[in-house]
Amino acid sequence: MDTNLKLLMDFIFGTLPWVTYATFLFGISLKLYTWFSTSPPSRTVPSSISRTPISAESIRLTIGQFIYLLLFQGRFIKPKAKSFVLWLMSFSAHISLFLILFGHLRPIGVWSASWFAWMASEQFLTRDLPFYLGWVVLGGFSLLLVRRVVDRSVRSISGFDDYFLLAILITIFLAGNMMRVSPYIHESFALRISPSIVMQLKETPSLIWLAVHGIAAQVLIMYMPFSKLFHIIASPFTILAYSIRHGRLYGGMKT
């Protein structure tokens, strides 16, 4: 490996991750401080309301809200073909994104392709499926960017955050896809990420595209707590808190 390229890789995956972790945790802490400091004052619960913290209504609401979230039912604002296309794009991109992130856990030893041998071959699970999913997600985010630029109604409510997030996401997946189609060396490659993460790759990918991929991914992680993407982290906790509170107030009436 070229000396300059080695120094670059050491910085991106050795030094920069510490900045990424610190910025991400600072953002999370800032969000939590803001939430707790601006939370409404506690109210006295009427005696007619059960004080049981979790009720059957809370559990029902929690399950319903998670299904609503996972199926992106909020995209069906109006029963029109346009809403269905938007839902299909969002659902496909998010499911593909989840599978790709799950796939990144295999090289660090979290799971093995042999676990799913009953479902498909290792070739399909580790090469073919990630290849096609990568282009599906890239196409989905590219269409969302075009939609924000072309559709006047969407453009009027779009800000810097929307365009920046889409640009970073497109860069991440473009670089990831280019690593798969660019010439690579048929030698194993161990990517070491601070503090002690090691990704064991069967081939050595294009290190230039790997560097772009690594920088863009860490920029996204650092920016996430300050952006709209924070809902990925916050939504499950928000749904749980809302369901417990709502079920306690309306599902725990004494008879």
Foldseek 3Di string as FASTA:
>chain_A
DDPVLVVLLCCLFPVVVVVLVVLLVVLVVVVVVVCVVPPDDDDDADPQFDPDLFDPQLVVLLVVLVVCVLQVVVLPPDPDPVSVVLSVLVNLLVVLVVLLVVLQVVQQPPDHPVVCVVPDHPCCSNAVSNLVSLVSNLVSLVVVLVCCVPPPVNVVPDDPLSNVLSVLSNQLSVLVNCQNVPDWAQDWDWRAGPPGGTGIGRTGTDSVSVSSNSVSVSVCSSCCSVGPVVCVVCVSVVSSVVSSVVCSGPVRGDD
